[in-house]
Amino acid sequence: MTLRDLQQAVAALRRGDIVAYPTESCYGLGCDPRRHEAVRRLLALKGRPWDKGFILISDHISRLFPYIGTPSAELADRVLSTWPGPVTWLVPARPLVSRWLRGNHAQLAVRVTAHPGAAALCRHARMALVSTSANRAGRPPARSAAAVRREFGNRIDYVLEGNLGALARPTEIRDGVTGEIIRAG
């Protein structure tokens, strides 16, 4: 992954495009969470129901504050002890956060990633990203750039090639309020 590659991926995100990129366990698909048309397009591309919501990833918690606000001290301690890292947390969403992002939930799934490629993409874009596995609903996620291209063809606007992280399964998801594990990693 070169600086030029990152710049092209960022330009695509800023146009409202969908970008594929490597994450901790598989290739992800992402877009600018402020671009509702891009989020709707991503839902259609995956065949994903809107009410499930999405994960937002970032390289730093501050990029998530427009969506989650400032967490309580207890919640911050719980969450920050795992970040950056492969744990996604369900935390209270700000009241005006789009249902296209949070689905049919009061909480929003967020992660500060330690994956170097995904973190670099967020850092260069200077934003959090919608992040979902690169697959159609019910199918296994793509584990290579070539697999993304086979699955989606030219419906993905830019594929940022890079190495996957070491996880064999998707990231763990925990409830930020209760600490309960929602999805084991």
C-alpha atoms as a PDB file:
ATOM      1  CA  MET A   1       0.000   0.000   0.000  1.00  0.00           C
ATOM      2  CA  THR A   2       1.667   3.173  -1.178  1.00  0.00           C
ATOM      3  CA  LEU A   3       0.942   6.814  -0.402  1.00  0.00           C
ATOM      4  CA  ARG A   4      -0.397   7.176  -3.954  1.00  0.00           C
ATOM      5  CA  ASP A   5      -2.762   4.231  -3.373  1.00  0.00           C
ATOM      6  CA  LEU A   6      -4.027   5.846  -0.160  1.00  0.00           C
ATOM      7  CA  GLN A   7      -4.521   9.182  -1.916  1.00  0.00           C
ATOM      8  CA  GLN A   8      -6.587   7.528  -4.640  1.00  0.00           C
ATOM      9  CA  ALA A   9      -8.710   5.701  -2.061  1.00  0.00           C
ATOM     10  CA  VAL A  10      -9.266   8.961  -0.143  1.00  0.00           C
ATOM     11  CA  ALA A  11     -10.265  10.760  -3.358  1.00  0.00           C
ATOM     12  CA  ALA A  12     -12.810   8.006  -4.022  1.00  0.00           C
ATOM     13  CA  LEU A  13     -14.246   8.316  -0.503  1.00  0.00           C
ATOM     14  CA  ARG A  14     -14.562  12.080  -0.867  1.00  0.00           C
ATOM     15  CA  ARG A  15     -16.490  11.608  -4.132  1.00  0.00           C
ATOM     16  CA  GLY A  16     -18.982   9.445  -2.248  1.00  0.00           C
ATOM     17  CA  ASP A  17     -17.611   6.201  -3.675  1.00  0.00           C
ATOM     18  CA  ILE A  18     -17.288   2.758  -2.099  1.00  0.00           C
ATOM     19  CA  VAL A  19     -13.767   1.545  -1.336  1.00  0.00           C
ATOM     20  CA  ALA A  20     -12.543  -1.962  -0.493  1.00  0.00           C
ATOM     21  CA  TYR A  21      -9.576  -2.238   1.886  1.00  0.00           C
ATOM     22  CA  PRO A  22      -7.833  -4.812   4.076  1.00  0.00           C
ATOM     23  CA  THR A  23      -8.831  -5.119   7.741  1.00  0.00           C
ATOM     24  CA  GLU A  24      -8.004  -7.342  10.706  1.00  0.00           C
ATOM     25  CA  SER A  25      -9.586 -10.509   9.259  1.00  0.00           C
ATOM     26  CA  CYS A  26     -10.861  -9.855   5.731  1.00  0.00           C
ATOM     27  CA  TYR A  27     -11.364  -7.182   3.133  1.00  0.00           C
ATOM     28  CA  GLY A  28     -13.823  -4.519   4.156  1.00  0.00           C
ATOM     29  CA  LEU A  29     -16.094  -2.248   2.187  1.00  0.00           C
ATOM     30  CA  GLY A  30     -16.412   1.309   3.325  1.00  0.00           C
ATOM     31  CA  CYS A  31     -17.647   4.772   2.547  1.00  0.00           C
ATOM     32  CA  ASP A  32     -17.957   8.207   4.079  1.00  0.00           C
ATOM     33  CA  PRO A  33     -20.632   7.879   6.799  1.00  0.00           C
ATOM     34  CA  ARG A  34     -21.845  11.427   6.052  1.00  0.00           C
ATOM     35  CA  ARG A  35     -22.777  10.432   2.474  1.00  0.00           C
ATOM     36  CA  HIS A  36     -26.218   8.863   2.770  1.00  0.00           C
ATOM     37  CA  GLU A  37     -26.307   7.888  -0.899  1.00  0.00           C
ATOM     38  CA  ALA A  38     -23.023   5.982  -0.486  1.00  0.00           C
ATOM     39  CA  VAL A  39     -24.381   4.205   2.606  1.00  0.00           C
ATOM     40  CA  ARG A  40     -27.585   3.263   0.753  1.00  0.00           C
ATOM     41  CA  ARG A  41     -25.527   2.042  -2.197  1.00  0.00           C
ATOM     42  CA  LEU A  42     -23.402  -0.089   0.130  1.00  0.00           C
ATOM     43  CA  LEU A  43     -26.531  -1.653   1.640  1.00  0.00           C
ATOM     44  CA  ALA A  44     -27.830  -2.521  -1.836  1.00  0.00           C
ATOM     45  CA  LEU A  45     -24.468  -3.873  -2.961  1.00  0.00           C
ATOM     46  CA  LYS A  46     -24.308  -6.271  -0.031  1.00  0.00           C
ATOM     47  CA  GLY A  47     -28.023  -7.089   0.024  1.00  0.00           C
ATOM     48  CA  ARG A  48     -27.922  -6.059   3.687  1.00  0.00           C
ATOM     49  CA  PRO A  49     -31.040  -4.945   5.532  1.00  0.00           C
ATOM     50  CA  TRP A  50     -30.771  -1.341   6.747  1.00  0.00           C
ATOM     51  CA  ASP A  51     -31.971  -2.191  10.248  1.00  0.00           C
ATOM     52  CA  LYS A  52     -28.787  -4.117  11.121  1.00  0.00           C
ATOM     53  CA  GLY A  53     -26.672  -0.958  11.068  1.00  0.00           C
ATOM     54  CA  PHE A  54     -22.966  -0.691  10.347  1.00  0.00           C
ATOM     55  CA  ILE A  55     -19.649  -0.479  12.146  1.00  0.00           C
ATOM     56  CA  LEU A  56     -17.690   2.759  12.003  1.00  0.00           C
ATOM     57  CA  ILE A  57     -13.919   2.412  12.203  1.00  0.00           C
ATOM     58  CA  SER A  58     -11.295   5.033  12.829  1.00  0.00           C
ATOM     59  CA  ASP A  59      -7.634   5.517  13.582  1.00  0.00           C
ATOM     60  CA  HIS A  60      -8.464   7.663  16.645  1.00  0.00           C
ATOM     61  CA  ILE A  61     -11.450   7.957  18.975  1.00  0.00           C
ATOM     62  CA  SER A  62     -11.788  11.683  18.299  1.00  0.00           C
ATOM     63  CA  ARG A  63     -13.041  10.921  14.768  1.00  0.00           C
ATOM     64  CA  LEU A  64     -15.910   8.939  16.322  1.00  0.00           C
ATOM     65  CA  PHE A  65     -17.133  11.751  18.623  1.00  0.00           C
ATOM     66  CA  PRO A  66     -19.483  13.277  16.014  1.00  0.00           C
ATOM     67  CA  TYR A  67     -21.345   9.955  16.096  1.00  0.00           C
ATOM     68  CA  ILE A  68     -21.074   8.877  19.738  1.00  0.00           C
ATOM     69  CA  GLY A  69     -20.268  11.961  21.738  1.00  0.00           C
ATOM     70  CA  THR A  70     -17.965  11.848  24.738  1.00  0.00           C
ATOM     71  CA  PRO A  71     -18.300   8.565  26.646  1.00  0.00           C
ATOM     72  CA  SER A  72     -18.707   8.428  30.427  1.00  0.00           C
ATOM     73  CA  ALA A  73     -15.536   7.726  32.422  1.00  0.00           C
ATOM     74  CA  GLU A  74     -16.614   4.124  33.048  1.00  0.00           C
ATOM     75  CA  LEU A  75     -17.454   3.487  29.394  1.00  0.00           C
ATOM     76  CA  ALA A  76     -14.238   5.178  28.259  1.00  0.00           C
ATOM     77  CA  ASP A  77     -12.145   2.999  30.580  1.00  0.00           C
ATOM     78  CA  ARG A  78     -13.826  -0.167  29.337  1.00  0.00           C
ATOM     79  CA  VAL A  79     -13.533   0.724  25.659  1.00  0.00           C
ATOM     80  CA  LEU A  80     -10.126   2.385  25.636  1.00  0.00           C
ATOM     81  CA  SER A  81      -8.538  -0.615  27.354  1.00  0.00           C
ATOM     82  CA  THR A  82      -9.050  -2.537  24.071  1.00  0.00           C
ATOM     83  CA  TRP A  83      -8.188   0.210  21.553  1.00  0.00           C
ATOM     84  CA  PRO A  84      -6.592   0.438  19.178  1.00  0.00           C
ATOM     85  CA  GLY A  85      -7.412  -3.162  18.570  1.00  0.00           C
ATOM     86  CA  PRO A  86      -9.822  -5.715  17.137  1.00  0.00           C
ATOM     87  CA  VAL A  87     -12.758  -5.113  19.498  1.00  0.00           C
ATOM     88  CA  THR A  88     -15.876  -3.371  18.233  1.00  0.00           C
ATOM     89  CA  TRP A  89     -18.051  -1.709  20.880  1.00  0.00           C
ATOM     90  CA  LEU A  90     -21.761  -0.883  20.856  1.00  0.00           C
ATOM     91  CA  VAL A  91     -22.020   2.558  22.432  1.00  0.00           C
ATOM     92  CA  PRO A  92     -24.844   5.088  22.695  1.00  0.00           C
ATOM     93  CA  ALA A  93     -25.217   6.992  19.426  1.00  0.00           C
ATOM     94  CA  ARG A  94     -25.786  10.723  19.314  1.00  0.00           C
ATOM     95  CA  PRO A  95     -29.519  11.432  18.843  1.00  0.00           C
ATOM     96  CA  LEU A  96     -29.148  12.763  15.298  1.00  0.00           C
ATOM     97  CA  VAL A  97     -27.015   9.900  13.971  1.00  0.00           C
ATOM     98  CA  SER A  98     -28.659   8.509  10.865  1.00  0.00           C
ATOM     99  CA  ARG A  99     -30.606   5.275  11.109  1.00  0.00           C
ATOM    100  CA  TRP A 100     -28.739   4.288   7.936  1.00  0.00           C
ATOM    101  CA  LEU A 101     -25.666   3.950  10.206  1.00  0.00           C
ATOM    102  CA  ARG A 102     -27.097   2.656  13.478  1.00  0.00           C
ATOM    103  CA  GLY A 103     -29.911   0.618  11.997  1.00  0.00           C
ATOM    104  CA  ASN A 104     -32.841  -0.031  14.290  1.00  0.00           C
ATOM    105  CA  HIS A 105     -30.705   0.528  17.405  1.00  0.00           C
ATOM    106  CA  ALA A 106     -29.984   3.316  19.885  1.00  0.00           C
ATOM    107  CA  GLN A 107     -26.356   2.200  19.900  1.00  0.00           C
ATOM    108  CA  LEU A 108     -23.688   2.460  17.218  1.00  0.00           C
ATOM    109  CA  ALA A 109     -20.942  -0.095  16.603  1.00  0.00           C
ATOM    110  CA  VAL A 110     -17.496   1.570  16.629  1.00  0.00           C
ATOM    111  CA  ARG A 111     -13.856   0.475  16.604  1.00  0.00           C
ATOM    112  CA  VAL A 112     -10.491   2.184  16.700  1.00  0.00           C
ATOM    113  CA  THR A 113      -8.577  -0.203  14.500  1.00  0.00           C
ATOM    114  CA  ALA A 114      -4.979  -1.261  14.961  1.00  0.00           C
ATOM    115  CA  HIS A 115      -4.821  -2.631  11.414  1.00  0.00           C
ATOM    116  CA  PRO A 116      -2.123  -0.522   9.726  1.00  0.00           C
ATOM    117  CA  GLY A 117      -3.859  -0.260   6.347  1.00  0.00           C
ATOM    118  CA  ALA A 118      -7.350   0.495   7.644  1.00  0.00           C
ATOM    119  CA  ALA A 119      -5.943   2.990  10.186  1.00  0.00           C
ATOM    120  CA  ALA A 120      -3.858   4.697   7.482  1.00  0.00           C
ATOM    121  CA  LEU A 121      -6.947   5.046   5.291  1.00  0.00           C
ATOM    122  CA  CYS A 122      -8.878   6.737   8.120  1.00  0.00           C
ATOM    123  CA  ARG A 123      -5.897   8.938   9.004  1.00  0.00           C
ATOM    124  CA  HIS A 124      -5.356  10.106   5.412  1.00  0.00           C
ATOM    125  CA  ALA A 125      -9.097  10.624   4.876  1.00  0.00           C
ATOM    126  CA  ARG A 126      -9.331  12.423   8.227  1.00  0.00           C
ATOM    127  CA  MET A 127     -12.588  10.659   8.998  1.00  0.00           C
ATOM    128  CA  ALA A 128     -14.229   7.597  10.447  1.00  0.00           C
ATOM    129  CA  LEU A 129     -15.423   5.125   7.827  1.00  0.00           C
ATOM    130  CA  VAL A 130     -18.415   2.879   7.480  1.00  0.00           C
ATOM    131  CA  SER A 131     -16.895  -0.591   7.573  1.00  0.00           C
ATOM    132  CA  THR A 132     -18.493  -3.891   6.660  1.00  0.00           C
ATOM    133  CA  SER A 133     -17.081  -7.161   5.387  1.00  0.00           C
ATOM    134  CA  ALA A 134     -16.591  -7.434   1.628  1.00  0.00           C
ATOM    135  CA  ASN A 135     -19.251  -9.986   0.833  1.00  0.00           C
ATOM    136  CA  ARG A 136     -22.884 -10.254  -0.091  1.00  0.00           C
ATOM    137  CA  ALA A 137     -25.159 -11.079   2.824  1.00  0.00           C
ATOM    138  CA  GLY A 138     -24.829 -14.728   3.801  1.00  0.00           C
ATOM    139  CA  ARG A 139     -21.609 -15.350   1.858  1.00  0.00           C
ATOM    140  CA  PRO A 140     -18.073 -15.646   3.228  1.00  0.00           C
ATOM    141  CA  PRO A 141     -16.047 -12.416   3.307  1.00  0.00           C
ATOM    142  CA  ALA A 142     -13.379 -11.759   0.682  1.00  0.00           C
ATOM    143  CA  ARG A 143      -9.854 -12.385   1.898  1.00  0.00           C
ATOM    144  CA  SER A 144      -8.025 -10.817  -1.055  1.00  0.00           C
ATOM    145  CA  ALA A 145      -8.325  -7.938  -3.481  1.00  0.00           C
ATOM    146  CA  ALA A 146      -8.864 -10.470  -6.270  1.00  0.00           C
ATOM    147  CA  ALA A 147     -11.762 -12.039  -4.354  1.00  0.00           C
ATOM    148  CA  VAL A 148     -13.350  -8.577  -3.934  1.00  0.00           C
ATOM    149  CA  ARG A 149     -13.116  -8.010  -7.679  1.00  0.00           C
ATOM    150  CA  ARG A 150     -14.599 -11.448  -8.429  1.00  0.00           C
ATOM    151  CA  GLU A 151     -17.510 -10.877  -6.051  1.00  0.00           C
ATOM    152  CA  PHE A 152     -18.355  -7.297  -6.983  1.00  0.00           C
ATOM    153  CA  GLY A 153     -16.656  -6.505 -10.301  1.00  0.00           C
ATOM    154  CA  ASN A 154     -16.750  -2.828 -11.187  1.00  0.00           C
ATOM    155  CA  ARG A 155     -19.420  -2.012  -8.575  1.00  0.00           C
ATOM    156  CA  ILE A 156     -16.584  -1.247  -6.136  1.00  0.00           C
ATOM    157  CA  ASP A 157     -15.105   2.126  -7.045  1.00  0.00           C
ATOM    158  CA  TYR A 158     -11.604   1.559  -5.659  1.00  0.00           C
ATOM    159  CA  VAL A 159      -9.775  -1.454  -4.213  1.00  0.00           C
ATOM    160  CA  LEU A 160      -6.927  -0.575  -1.857  1.00  0.00           C
ATOM    161  CA  GLU A 161      -4.628  -3.558  -1.897  1.00  0.00           C
ATOM    162  CA  GLY A 162      -2.750  -4.617   1.227  1.00  0.00           C
ATOM    163  CA  ASN A 163      -2.171  -7.344   3.764  1.00  0.00           C
ATOM    164  CA  LEU A 164      -4.872  -8.652   6.044  1.00  0.00           C
ATOM    165  CA  GLY A 165      -4.402  -8.783   9.790  1.00  0.00           C
ATOM    166  CA  ALA A 166      -3.868 -12.033  11.641  1.00  0.00           C
ATOM    167  CA  LEU A 167      -7.463 -12.666  12.762  1.00  0.00           C
ATOM    168  CA  ALA A 168      -9.181 -15.724  11.323  1.00  0.00           C
ATOM    169  CA  ARG A 169     -12.649 -14.488  12.360  1.00  0.00           C
ATOM    170  CA  PRO A 170     -14.389 -11.092  12.350  1.00  0.00           C
ATOM    171  CA  THR A 171     -13.688  -8.745  15.234  1.00  0.00           C
ATOM    172  CA  GLU A 172     -15.346  -9.300  18.562  1.00  0.00           C
ATOM    173  CA  ILE A 173     -18.360  -7.103  19.314  1.00  0.00           C
ATOM    174  CA  ARG A 174     -19.168  -6.090  22.905  1.00  0.00           C
ATOM    175  CA  ASP A 175     -21.915  -4.048  24.483  1.00  0.00           C
ATOM    176  CA  GLY A 176     -20.274  -0.927  25.901  1.00  0.00           C
ATOM    177  CA  VAL A 177     -22.756  -0.524  28.723  1.00  0.00           C
ATOM    178  CA  THR A 178     -22.868  -4.117  29.991  1.00  0.00           C
ATOM    179  CA  GLY A 179     -19.561  -5.472  28.664  1.00  0.00           C
ATOM    180  CA  GLU A 180     -21.485  -8.484  27.292  1.00  0.00           C
ATOM    181  CA  ILE A 181     -19.905 -10.208  24.276  1.00  0.00           C
ATOM    182  CA  ILE A 182     -22.353  -9.952  21.365  1.00  0.00           C
ATOM    183  CA  ARG A 183     -20.132 -11.654  18.772  1.00  0.00           C
ATOM    184  CA  ALA A 184     -17.068 -13.661  19.756  1.00  0.00           C
ATOM    185  CA  GLY A 185     -13.889 -12.904  17.832  1.00  0.00           C
END
